[in-house]
Amino acid sequence: MAQTVCVRPDAADVTQLAAIAEDQSHPPKHIQRAHSVLLSDEYLDV
């Protein structure tokens, strides 16, 4: 059964997640998770 989860990071977390998502030196798993959380913050489907 599908579930909807919405993560609401604060402004400092969004800044950190955006930096992780843009920095290709991080492991791909971390980059993908950062993208997922940022999309969730904008109420977009992941």
N, C-alpha and C. Protein backbone atom coordinates (compact mmCIF):
# COMPACT_ATOMS: atom_id res chain seq x y z
N MET A 1 0.84 -1.17 0.00
CA MET A 1 0.00 0.00 0.00
C MET A 1 0.89 1.24 0.00
N ALA A 2 0.61 2.17 -0.88
CA ALA A 2 1.41 3.40 -1.00
C ALA A 2 1.10 4.34 0.16
N GLN A 3 2.12 5.02 0.60
CA GLN A 3 1.97 6.00 1.66
C GLN A 3 2.58 7.32 1.21
N THR A 4 2.02 8.40 1.69
CA THR A 4 2.55 9.71 1.38
C THR A 4 3.25 10.26 2.62
N VAL A 5 4.49 10.67 2.44
CA VAL A 5 5.26 11.25 3.53
C VAL A 5 5.75 12.60 3.06
N CYS A 6 5.60 13.59 3.90
CA CYS A 6 6.06 14.93 3.56
C CYS A 6 7.04 15.39 4.62
N VAL A 7 8.27 15.62 4.20
CA VAL A 7 9.31 16.09 5.10
C VAL A 7 9.37 17.61 5.00
N ARG A 8 9.39 18.28 6.15
CA ARG A 8 9.41 19.75 6.17
C ARG A 8 10.70 20.25 6.81
N PRO A 9 11.80 20.34 6.05
CA PRO A 9 13.05 20.85 6.61
C PRO A 9 13.00 22.37 6.78
N ASP A 10 13.77 22.86 7.74
CA ASP A 10 13.83 24.32 7.91
C ASP A 10 14.78 24.92 6.87
N ALA A 11 14.91 26.22 6.87
CA ALA A 11 15.70 26.92 5.84
C ALA A 11 17.16 26.49 5.85
N ALA A 12 17.74 26.28 7.02
CA ALA A 12 19.14 25.86 7.10
C ALA A 12 19.31 24.47 6.48
N ASP A 13 18.36 23.58 6.75
CA ASP A 13 18.43 22.23 6.18
C ASP A 13 18.28 22.26 4.66
N VAL A 14 17.40 23.11 4.17
CA VAL A 14 17.20 23.22 2.72
C VAL A 14 18.49 23.70 2.06
N THR A 15 19.18 24.63 2.69
CA THR A 15 20.45 25.13 2.16
C THR A 15 21.48 24.01 2.09
N GLN A 16 21.58 23.23 3.16
CA GLN A 16 22.52 22.12 3.19
C GLN A 16 22.16 21.05 2.16
N LEU A 17 20.88 20.73 2.06
CA LEU A 17 20.44 19.71 1.10
C LEU A 17 20.70 20.16 -0.33
N ALA A 18 20.48 21.43 -0.62
CA ALA A 18 20.74 21.95 -1.97
C ALA A 18 22.22 21.85 -2.30
N ALA A 19 23.08 22.13 -1.32
CA ALA A 19 24.52 22.03 -1.54
C ALA A 19 24.92 20.58 -1.80
N ILE A 20 24.34 19.65 -1.06
CA ILE A 20 24.64 18.22 -1.27
C ILE A 20 24.16 17.79 -2.65
N ALA A 21 22.97 18.22 -3.03
CA ALA A 21 22.39 17.82 -4.31
C ALA A 21 23.22 18.33 -5.49
N GLU A 22 23.88 19.46 -5.35
CA GLU A 22 24.66 20.04 -6.44
C GLU A 22 26.10 19.55 -6.47
N ASP A 23 26.62 19.07 -5.34
CA ASP A 23 28.02 18.67 -5.24
C ASP A 23 28.18 17.21 -5.65
N GLN A 24 28.81 17.00 -6.78
CA GLN A 24 28.97 15.65 -7.32
C GLN A 24 30.01 14.82 -6.58
N SER A 25 30.70 15.39 -5.60
CA SER A 25 31.69 14.63 -4.86
C SER A 25 31.05 13.76 -3.77
N HIS A 26 29.77 14.02 -3.45
CA HIS A 26 29.05 13.20 -2.48
C HIS A 26 28.64 11.88 -3.13
N PRO A 27 28.44 10.85 -2.33
CA PRO A 27 27.98 9.57 -2.90
C PRO A 27 26.61 9.75 -3.58
N PRO A 28 26.38 9.03 -4.68
CA PRO A 28 25.11 9.17 -5.41
C PRO A 28 23.88 8.95 -4.52
N LYS A 29 23.98 8.05 -3.58
CA LYS A 29 22.87 7.78 -2.67
C LYS A 29 22.48 9.04 -1.89
N HIS A 30 23.48 9.80 -1.43
CA HIS A 30 23.21 11.01 -0.67
C HIS A 30 22.60 12.09 -1.57
N ILE A 31 23.09 12.19 -2.80
CA ILE A 31 22.56 13.17 -3.74
C ILE A 31 21.11 12.87 -4.06
N GLN A 32 20.78 11.61 -4.30
CA GLN A 32 19.40 11.22 -4.60
C GLN A 32 18.47 11.49 -3.42
N ARG A 33 18.94 11.21 -2.23
CA ARG A 33 18.11 11.47 -1.05
C ARG A 33 17.90 12.96 -0.84
N ALA A 34 18.93 13.75 -1.08
CA ALA A 34 18.79 15.20 -0.95
C ALA A 34 17.76 15.72 -1.95
N HIS A 35 17.81 15.23 -3.19
CA HIS A 35 16.82 15.62 -4.19
C HIS A 35 15.41 15.22 -3.74
N SER A 36 15.27 14.03 -3.22
CA SER A 36 13.96 13.54 -2.77
C SER A 36 13.38 14.42 -1.66
N VAL A 37 14.22 14.78 -0.70
CA VAL A 37 13.74 15.62 0.40
C VAL A 37 13.38 17.01 -0.11
N LEU A 38 14.18 17.56 -1.02
CA LEU A 38 13.87 18.88 -1.57
C LEU A 38 12.56 18.86 -2.35
N LEU A 39 12.32 17.79 -3.11
CA LEU A 39 11.05 17.69 -3.84
C LEU A 39 9.89 17.54 -2.87
N SER A 40 10.08 16.78 -1.82
CA SER A 40 9.04 16.59 -0.82
C SER A 40 8.70 17.92 -0.14
N ASP A 41 9.72 18.73 0.08
CA ASP A 41 9.51 20.04 0.71
C ASP A 41 8.64 20.94 -0.17
N GLU A 42 8.69 20.72 -1.48
CA GLU A 42 7.89 21.52 -2.42
C GLU A 42 6.56 20.84 -2.72
N TYR A 43 6.23 19.78 -1.98
CA TYR A 43 4.99 19.02 -2.15
C TYR A 43 4.89 18.38 -3.53
N LEU A 44 6.03 18.00 -4.11
CA LEU A 44 6.04 17.33 -5.40
C LEU A 44 6.20 15.82 -5.18
N ASP A 45 5.64 15.02 -6.08
CA ASP A 45 5.78 13.58 -5.96
C ASP A 45 7.23 13.19 -6.21
N VAL A 46 7.69 12.22 -5.46
CA VAL A 46 9.06 11.75 -5.59
C VAL A 46 9.06 10.43 -6.32
